[in-house]
PDB file of N, CA and C in Angstrom:
ATOM      1  N   MET A   1       1.271  -1.182  -0.261  1.00  0.00           N
ATOM      2  CA  MET A   1       0.093  -0.123  -0.077  1.00  0.00           C
ATOM      3  C   MET A   1       0.658   1.064   0.179  1.00  0.00           C
ATOM      4  N   GLN A   2       0.591   2.319  -0.700  1.00  0.00           N
ATOM      5  CA  GLN A   2       1.255   3.851  -0.843  1.00  0.00           C
ATOM      6  C   GLN A   2      -0.174   4.700  -0.080  1.00  0.00           C
ATOM      7  N   ASN A   3       0.628   5.779  -0.026  1.00  0.00           N
ATOM      8  CA  ASN A   3      -0.468   6.658   0.638  1.00  0.00           C
ATOM      9  C   ASN A   3       0.248   7.992  -0.125  1.00  0.00           C
ATOM     10  N   ALA A   4      -1.065   9.051  -0.528  1.00  0.00           N
ATOM     11  CA  ALA A   4      -0.973   9.882  -1.589  1.00  0.00           C
ATOM     12  C   ALA A   4      -1.481  11.303  -0.705  1.00  0.00           C
ATOM     13  N   VAL A   5      -1.061  12.139  -1.146  1.00  0.00           N
ATOM     14  CA  VAL A   5      -1.786  13.634  -0.662  1.00  0.00           C
ATOM     15  C   VAL A   5      -2.064  14.186  -1.909  1.00  0.00           C
ATOM     16  N   LEU A   6      -3.454  14.518  -2.540  1.00  0.00           N
ATOM     17  CA  LEU A   6      -4.167  15.123  -3.442  1.00  0.00           C
ATOM     18  C   LEU A   6      -4.487  16.727  -2.911  1.00  0.00           C
ATOM     19  N   LYS A   7      -3.850  17.584  -3.754  1.00  0.00           N
ATOM     20  CA  LYS A   7      -4.247  19.025  -3.473  1.00  0.00           C
ATOM     21  C   LYS A   7      -5.871  19.245  -4.178  1.00  0.00           C
ATOM     22  N   ILE A   8      -6.739  19.700  -4.110  1.00  0.00           N
ATOM     23  CA  ILE A   8      -8.185  19.774  -4.387  1.00  0.00           C
ATOM     24  C   ILE A   8      -8.702  20.922  -4.344  1.00  0.00           C
ATOM     25  N   ASP A   9      -9.107  21.605  -5.204  1.00  0.00           N
ATOM     26  CA  ASP A   9      -9.454  22.768  -5.250  1.00  0.00           C
ATOM     27  C   ASP A   9     -11.232  22.896  -5.763  1.00  0.00           C
ATOM     28  N   GLY A  10     -11.982  23.703  -5.257  1.00  0.00           N
ATOM     29  CA  GLY A  10     -13.184  23.964  -5.498  1.00  0.00           C
ATOM     30  C   GLY A  10     -13.972  23.216  -4.686  1.00  0.00           C
ATOM     31  N   MET A  11     -13.810  22.513  -3.098  1.00  0.00           N
ATOM     32  CA  MET A  11     -14.142  22.100  -2.218  1.00  0.00           C
ATOM     33  C   MET A  11     -14.421  23.580  -1.342  1.00  0.00           C
ATOM     34  N   ASN A  12     -15.974  23.799  -1.209  1.00  0.00           N
ATOM     35  CA  ASN A  12     -16.667  24.717  -0.564  1.00  0.00           C
ATOM     36  C   ASN A  12     -17.126  24.106   0.576  1.00  0.00           C
ATOM     37  N   GLY A  13     -17.125  23.334   0.743  1.00  0.00           N
ATOM     38  CA  GLY A  13     -18.607  22.717   2.551  1.00  0.00           C
ATOM     39  C   GLY A  13     -18.412  21.385   2.745  1.00  0.00           C
ATOM     40  N   GLU A  14     -18.785  20.745   3.173  1.00  0.00           N
ATOM     41  CA  GLU A  14     -18.860  19.635   3.906  1.00  0.00           C
ATOM     42  C   GLU A  14     -19.031  18.881   2.958  1.00  0.00           C
ATOM     43  N   ALA A  15     -20.525  19.311   2.124  1.00  0.00           N
ATOM     44  CA  ALA A  15     -21.010  18.257   1.014  1.00  0.00           C
ATOM     45  C   ALA A  15     -20.032  17.870  -0.045  1.00  0.00           C
ATOM     46  N   CYS A  16     -19.191  18.793  -0.493  1.00  0.00           N
ATOM     47  CA  CYS A  16     -17.942  18.910  -1.422  1.00  0.00           C
ATOM     48  C   CYS A  16     -17.072  17.766  -0.855  1.00  0.00           C
ATOM     49  N   ALA A  17     -16.515  18.074   0.513  1.00  0.00           N
ATOM     50  CA  ALA A  17     -15.633  16.951   1.135  1.00  0.00           C
ATOM     51  C   ALA A  17     -16.129  15.590   0.734  1.00  0.00           C
ATOM     52  N   ASP A  18     -17.550  15.539   1.269  1.00  0.00           N
ATOM     53  CA  ASP A  18     -18.208  13.922   1.308  1.00  0.00           C
ATOM     54  C   ASP A  18     -18.231  13.348   0.021  1.00  0.00           C
ATOM     55  N   LYS A  19     -18.336  14.303  -1.324  1.00  0.00           N
ATOM     56  CA  LYS A  19     -17.982  13.917  -2.417  1.00  0.00           C
ATOM     57  C   LYS A  19     -16.783  13.804  -3.270  1.00  0.00           C
ATOM     58  N   VAL A  20     -15.932  14.231  -2.341  1.00  0.00           N
ATOM     59  CA  VAL A  20     -14.540  14.282  -2.742  1.00  0.00           C
ATOM     60  C   VAL A  20     -14.192  12.153  -2.544  1.00  0.00           C
ATOM     61  N   ALA A  21     -14.468  12.599  -0.889  1.00  0.00           N
ATOM     62  CA  ALA A  21     -14.389  11.646   0.070  1.00  0.00           C
ATOM     63  C   ALA A  21     -14.945  10.112  -1.133  1.00  0.00           C
ATOM     64  N   LYS A  22     -16.066  10.086  -1.715  1.00  0.00           N
ATOM     65  CA  LYS A  22     -17.272   9.110  -2.145  1.00  0.00           C
ATOM     66  C   LYS A  22     -16.298   8.702  -3.338  1.00  0.00           C
ATOM     67  N   VAL A  23     -16.040   9.585  -4.262  1.00  0.00           N
ATOM     68  CA  VAL A  23     -15.151   9.648  -5.616  1.00  0.00           C
ATOM     69  C   VAL A  23     -14.085   9.001  -5.224  1.00  0.00           C
ATOM     70  N   LEU A  24     -13.025   9.154  -4.424  1.00  0.00           N
ATOM     71  CA  LEU A  24     -11.847   8.645  -4.189  1.00  0.00           C
ATOM     72  C   LEU A  24     -12.352   7.327  -3.816  1.00  0.00           C
ATOM     73  N   ALA A  25     -13.011   6.495  -2.673  1.00  0.00           N
ATOM     74  CA  ALA A  25     -13.136   5.515  -2.148  1.00  0.00           C
ATOM     75  C   ALA A  25     -13.835   4.592  -3.520  1.00  0.00           C
ATOM     76  N   GLY A  26     -14.590   5.210  -4.301  1.00  0.00           N
ATOM     77  CA  GLY A  26     -14.503   4.143  -5.514  1.00  0.00           C
ATOM     78  C   GLY A  26     -13.827   3.787  -6.363  1.00  0.00           C
ATOM     79  N   VAL A  27     -12.440   4.491  -6.057  1.00  0.00           N
ATOM     80  CA  VAL A  27     -11.435   4.035  -6.931  1.00  0.00           C
ATOM     81  C   VAL A  27     -10.966   2.535  -7.037  1.00  0.00           C
ATOM     82  N   GLY A  28     -10.746   1.735  -7.896  1.00  0.00           N
ATOM     83  CA  GLY A  28     -10.049   0.157  -7.430  1.00  0.00           C
ATOM     84  C   GLY A  28      -9.137   0.090  -6.723  1.00  0.00           C
ATOM     85  N   GLY A  29      -8.986  -0.317  -5.921  1.00  0.00           N
ATOM     86  CA  GLY A  29      -7.354  -0.017  -5.242  1.00  0.00           C
ATOM     87  C   GLY A  29      -7.158   0.648  -4.190  1.00  0.00           C
ATOM     88  N   VAL A  30      -8.404   1.577  -3.780  1.00  0.00           N
ATOM     89  CA  VAL A  30      -8.509   2.529  -2.495  1.00  0.00           C
ATOM     90  C   VAL A  30      -8.785   2.054  -1.367  1.00  0.00           C
ATOM     91  N   ALA A  31      -7.742   2.002  -0.269  1.00  0.00           N
ATOM     92  CA  ALA A  31      -7.988   1.423   0.796  1.00  0.00           C
ATOM     93  C   ALA A  31      -8.338   2.519   1.893  1.00  0.00           C
ATOM     94  N   ASP A  32      -8.065   3.739   1.978  1.00  0.00           N
ATOM     95  CA  ASP A  32      -8.969   4.378   3.203  1.00  0.00           C
ATOM     96  C   ASP A  32      -8.532   5.646   2.514  1.00  0.00           C
ATOM     97  N   VAL A  33      -9.527   6.879   2.434  1.00  0.00           N
ATOM     98  CA  VAL A  33      -9.757   8.142   2.255  1.00  0.00           C
ATOM     99  C   VAL A  33     -10.335   8.869   3.300  1.00  0.00           C
ATOM    100  N   ARG A  34      -8.953  10.338   3.724  1.00  0.00           N
ATOM    101  CA  ARG A  34      -9.211  10.981   4.835  1.00  0.00           C
ATOM    102  C   ARG A  34      -9.201  12.413   3.601  1.00  0.00           C
ATOM    103  N   VAL A  35     -10.199  13.254   4.069  1.00  0.00           N
ATOM    104  CA  VAL A  35     -10.677  14.421   3.834  1.00  0.00           C
ATOM    105  C   VAL A  35     -10.362  15.614   4.581  1.00  0.00           C
ATOM    106  N   SER A  36      -9.489  16.744   4.156  1.00  0.00           N
ATOM    107  CA  SER A  36      -9.653  18.240   5.031  1.00  0.00           C
ATOM    108  C   SER A  36     -10.034  18.798   4.583  1.00  0.00           C
ATOM    109  N   LEU A  37     -11.347  19.133   4.773  1.00  0.00           N
ATOM    110  CA  LEU A  37     -12.007  20.407   3.468  1.00  0.00           C
ATOM    111  C   LEU A  37     -11.026  21.943   4.358  1.00  0.00           C
ATOM    112  N   LEU A  38     -10.522  22.173   5.440  1.00  0.00           N
ATOM    113  CA  LEU A  38      -9.679  23.065   5.961  1.00  0.00           C
ATOM    114  C   LEU A  38      -8.552  23.251   4.832  1.00  0.00           C
ATOM    115  N   ASN A  39      -7.597  22.290   4.256  1.00  0.00           N
ATOM    116  CA  ASN A  39      -6.764  22.221   4.249  1.00  0.00           C
ATOM    117  C   ASN A  39      -6.555  21.964   2.584  1.00  0.00           C
ATOM    118  N   CYS A  40      -7.849  21.516   1.948  1.00  0.00           N
ATOM    119  CA  CYS A  40      -8.195  21.397   0.630  1.00  0.00           C
ATOM    120  C   CYS A  40      -7.056  20.523   0.464  1.00  0.00           C
ATOM    121  N   LEU A  41      -7.240  19.275   0.948  1.00  0.00           N
ATOM    122  CA  LEU A  41      -6.190  18.257   0.853  1.00  0.00           C
ATOM    123  C   LEU A  41      -7.328  16.475   1.099  1.00  0.00           C
ATOM    124  N   ALA A  42      -6.805  15.718   0.443  1.00  0.00           N
ATOM    125  CA  ALA A  42      -6.992  14.616   0.467  1.00  0.00           C
ATOM    126  C   ALA A  42      -5.630  13.537   0.546  1.00  0.00           C
ATOM    127  N   SER A  43      -6.040  12.448   1.608  1.00  0.00           N
ATOM    128  CA  SER A  43      -4.881  11.749   1.681  1.00  0.00           C
ATOM    129  C   SER A  43      -5.724  10.152   1.792  1.00  0.00           C
ATOM    130  N   VAL A  44      -4.907   9.469   0.493  1.00  0.00           N
ATOM    131  CA  VAL A  44      -5.599   8.429   0.169  1.00  0.00           C
ATOM    132  C   VAL A  44      -4.559   7.146   0.537  1.00  0.00           C
ATOM    133  N   GLN A  45      -5.115   6.023   1.176  1.00  0.00           N
ATOM    134  CA  GLN A  45      -3.772   5.048   1.021  1.00  0.00           C
ATOM    135  C   GLN A  45      -4.778   3.953   0.242  1.00  0.00           C
ATOM    136  N   TYR A  46      -3.623   3.352  -0.878  1.00  0.00           N
ATOM    137  CA  TYR A  46      -4.127   2.556  -2.158  1.00  0.00           C
ATOM    138  C   TYR A  46      -2.868   1.504  -2.857  1.00  0.00           C
ATOM    139  N   ASP A  47      -3.554   0.499  -3.332  1.00  0.00           N
ATOM    140  CA  ASP A  47      -2.587   0.079  -4.115  1.00  0.00           C
ATOM    141  C   ASP A  47      -2.115  -0.027  -4.710  1.00  0.00           C
ATOM    142  N   GLU A  48      -0.973   0.508  -5.154  1.00  0.00           N
ATOM    143  CA  GLU A  48      -0.320   0.657  -6.271  1.00  0.00           C
ATOM    144  C   GLU A  48      -0.321  -0.049  -7.626  1.00  0.00           C
ATOM    145  N   ARG A  49      -0.857  -1.335  -7.476  1.00  0.00           N
ATOM    146  CA  ARG A  49      -1.017  -1.833  -8.717  1.00  0.00           C
ATOM    147  C   ARG A  49      -2.522  -2.069  -9.492  1.00  0.00           C
ATOM    148  N   GLN A  50      -2.944  -1.036  -8.482  1.00  0.00           N
ATOM    149  CA  GLN A  50      -4.115  -0.990  -9.247  1.00  0.00           C
ATOM    150  C   GLN A  50      -4.688   0.728  -9.539  1.00  0.00           C
ATOM    151  N   ALA A  51      -3.926   1.616  -8.779  1.00  0.00           N
ATOM    152  CA  ALA A  51      -3.787   3.211  -9.087  1.00  0.00           C
ATOM    153  C   ALA A  51      -2.837   3.954  -8.790  1.00  0.00           C
ATOM    154  N   THR A  52      -3.180   4.972  -9.263  1.00  0.00           N
ATOM    155  CA  THR A  52      -1.976   5.728  -9.068  1.00  0.00           C
ATOM    156  C   THR A  52      -2.119   7.512  -8.282  1.00  0.00           C
ATOM    157  N   PRO A  53      -0.988   8.258  -7.996  1.00  0.00           N
ATOM    158  CA  PRO A  53      -1.554   9.539  -7.975  1.00  0.00           C
ATOM    159  C   PRO A  53      -2.261  10.300  -8.569  1.00  0.00           C
ATOM    160  N   GLN A  54      -1.687  10.141  -9.870  1.00  0.00           N
ATOM    161  CA  GLN A  54      -2.523  10.933 -11.122  1.00  0.00           C
ATOM    162  C   GLN A  54      -4.063  10.590 -11.557  1.00  0.00           C
ATOM    163  N   SER A  55      -4.139   8.921 -11.298  1.00  0.00           N
ATOM    164  CA  SER A  55      -5.468   8.460 -11.784  1.00  0.00           C
ATOM    165  C   SER A  55      -6.465   8.774 -11.050  1.00  0.00           C
ATOM    166  N   LEU A  56      -5.733   8.990  -9.178  1.00  0.00           N
ATOM    167  CA  LEU A  56      -7.043   9.196  -8.364  1.00  0.00           C
ATOM    168  C   LEU A  56      -7.213  11.072  -8.561  1.00  0.00           C
ATOM    169  N   ALA A  57      -6.580  12.036  -8.591  1.00  0.00           N
ATOM    170  CA  ALA A  57      -6.270  13.116  -9.363  1.00  0.00           C
ATOM    171  C   ALA A  57      -7.522  13.084 -10.507  1.00  0.00           C
ATOM    172  N   GLY A  58      -7.387  12.373 -11.486  1.00  0.00           N
ATOM    173  CA  GLY A  58      -8.231  12.266 -12.488  1.00  0.00           C
ATOM    174  C   GLY A  58      -9.783  11.731 -12.173  1.00  0.00           C
ATOM    175  N   SER A  59      -9.720  10.889 -11.394  1.00  0.00           N
ATOM    176  CA  SER A  59     -11.034  10.573 -11.393  1.00  0.00           C
ATOM    177  C   SER A  59     -11.539  11.631 -10.539  1.00  0.00           C
ATOM    178  N   LEU A  60     -11.187  12.430  -9.581  1.00  0.00           N
ATOM    179  CA  LEU A  60     -11.715  13.979  -9.126  1.00  0.00           C
ATOM    180  C   LEU A  60     -11.654  14.966  -9.927  1.00  0.00           C
ATOM    181  N   ALA A  61     -10.969  15.045 -11.069  1.00  0.00           N
ATOM    182  CA  ALA A  61     -11.320  16.185 -12.007  1.00  0.00           C
ATOM    183  C   ALA A  61     -12.143  15.758 -13.013  1.00  0.00           C
ATOM    184  N   GLN A  62     -12.549  14.528 -13.113  1.00  0.00           N
ATOM    185  CA  GLN A  62     -13.887  14.178 -13.397  1.00  0.00           C
ATOM    186  C   GLN A  62     -15.040  14.577 -13.292  1.00  0.00           C
ATOM    187  N   ALA A  63     -15.199  14.064 -11.891  1.00  0.00           N
ATOM    188  CA  ALA A  63     -16.434  14.872 -10.969  1.00  0.00           C
ATOM    189  C   ALA A  63     -16.192  16.201 -10.816  1.00  0.00           C
ATOM    190  N   GLY A  64     -15.493  17.025 -11.349  1.00  0.00           N
ATOM    191  CA  GLY A  64     -15.375  18.448 -10.831  1.00  0.00           C
ATOM    192  C   GLY A  64     -14.982  19.226  -9.977  1.00  0.00           C
ATOM    193  N   TYR A  65     -13.957  18.366  -9.770  1.00  0.00           N
ATOM    194  CA  TYR A  65     -12.669  18.642  -8.440  1.00  0.00           C
ATOM    195  C   TYR A  65     -11.650  18.551  -9.197  1.00  0.00           C
ATOM    196  N   PRO A  66     -10.945  19.770  -9.647  1.00  0.00           N
ATOM    197  CA  PRO A  66      -9.522  19.740 -10.401  1.00  0.00           C
ATOM    198  C   PRO A  66      -8.381  19.171  -9.255  1.00  0.00           C
ATOM    199  N   ALA A  67      -7.813  18.179  -9.129  1.00  0.00           N
ATOM    200  CA  ALA A  67      -6.810  17.888  -8.422  1.00  0.00           C
ATOM    201  C   ALA A  67      -5.166  17.609  -8.792  1.00  0.00           C
ATOM    202  N   GLU A  68      -4.314  18.019  -7.777  1.00  0.00           N
ATOM    203  CA  GLU A  68      -2.995  17.420  -7.970  1.00  0.00           C
ATOM    204  C   GLU A  68      -2.225  16.894  -7.431  1.00  0.00           C
ATOM    205  N   PRO A  69      -1.580  15.714  -7.312  1.00  0.00           N
ATOM    206  CA  PRO A  69      -0.807  14.974  -6.066  1.00  0.00           C
ATOM    207  C   PRO A  69       0.195  16.174  -5.508  1.00  0.00           C
ATOM    208  N   ALA A  70       0.425  16.346  -4.151  1.00  0.00           N
ATOM    209  CA  ALA A  70       0.672  17.123  -3.416  1.00  0.00           C
ATOM    210  C   ALA A  70       2.062  16.563  -2.598  1.00  0.00           C
ATOM    211  N   GLY A  71       1.937  15.130  -2.932  1.00  0.00           N
ATOM    212  CA  GLY A  71       3.746  14.529  -2.446  1.00  0.00           C
ATOM    213  C   GLY A  71       2.405  13.181  -2.009  1.00  0.00           C
ATOM    214  N   THR A  72       3.829  11.910  -1.522  1.00  0.00           N
ATOM    215  CA  THR A  72       3.571  10.614  -1.357  1.00  0.00           C
ATOM    216  C   THR A  72       4.279  10.182  -0.242  1.00  0.00           C
ATOM    217  N   GLY A  73       3.811   9.133   0.409  1.00  0.00           N
ATOM    218  CA  GLY A  73       4.576   9.164   1.516  1.00  0.00           C
ATOM    219  C   GLY A  73       4.066   8.924   2.617  1.00  0.00           C
ATOM    220  N   GLY A  74       3.984  10.633   3.340  1.00  0.00           N
ATOM    221  CA  GLY A  74       4.254  10.807   4.257  1.00  0.00           C
ATOM    222  C   GLY A  74       2.977  11.605   4.856  1.00  0.00           C
ATOM    223  N   GLY A  75       1.825  11.411   3.839  1.00  0.00           N
ATOM    224  CA  GLY A  75       0.401  12.068   4.391  1.00  0.00           C
ATOM    225  C   GLY A  75       1.112  13.580   4.247  1.00  0.00           C
ATOM    226  N   CYS A  76      -0.356  14.534   5.189  1.00  0.00           N
ATOM    227  CA  CYS A  76      -0.105  15.531   5.147  1.00  0.00           C
ATOM    228  C   CYS A  76       0.497  16.007   6.414  1.00  0.00           C
ATOM    229  N   CYS A  77      -0.173  16.918   6.784  1.00  0.00           N
ATOM    230  CA  CYS A  77       1.014  17.274   8.286  1.00  0.00           C
ATOM    231  C   CYS A  77       0.337  16.535   9.585  1.00  0.00           C
ATOM    232  N   GLY A  78      -0.639  15.568   9.354  1.00  0.00           N
ATOM    233  CA  GLY A  78      -1.033  14.606  10.372  1.00  0.00           C
ATOM    234  C   GLY A  78      -2.333  15.274  11.298  1.00  0.00           C
ATOM    235  N   GLY A  79      -2.800  16.262  11.106  1.00  0.00           N
ATOM    236  CA  GLY A  79      -3.645  16.888  11.929  1.00  0.00           C
ATOM    237  C   GLY A  79      -5.004  16.612  11.746  1.00  0.00           C
ATOM    238  N   CYS A  80      -6.411  17.156  11.215  1.00  0.00           N
ATOM    239  CA  CYS A  80      -7.084  16.994  11.066  1.00  0.00           C
ATOM    240  C   CYS A  80      -7.451  15.519  10.130  1.00  0.00           C
ATOM    241  N   CYS A  81      -6.619  15.292   9.233  1.00  0.00           N
ATOM    242  CA  CYS A  81      -7.103  14.117   8.384  1.00  0.00           C
ATOM    243  C   CYS A  81      -6.252  13.349   8.608  1.00  0.00           C
ATOM    244  N   GLY A  82      -5.360  13.280   9.852  1.00  0.00           N
ATOM    245  CA  GLY A  82      -4.870  11.629  10.464  1.00  0.00           C
ATOM    246  C   GLY A  82      -3.671  11.578   9.550  1.00  0.00           C
ATOM    247  N   GLY A  83      -2.656  12.082   8.442  1.00  0.00           N
ATOM    248  CA  GLY A  83      -2.186  11.843   7.281  1.00  0.00           C
ATOM    249  C   GLY A  83      -0.715  11.355   8.331  1.00  0.00           C
TER     250      GLY A  83
END
């Protein structure tokens, strides 16, 4: 398993954060998703044989939330999303 952190544009409230979490959870190989609305980040634990940070970002973009990998391996600050 790998961990990716995605920077997400367009999250304006809890409903957006919930949708982002649902989209990411629906990607094959994703084991865990934690979304920080405050920091506009998502920490995603995934199977590298089934997904990549770029494919996760692509799934979000298709759902209307432009995203890009913010880094891998260490999670975010470890605060509210537990990365």
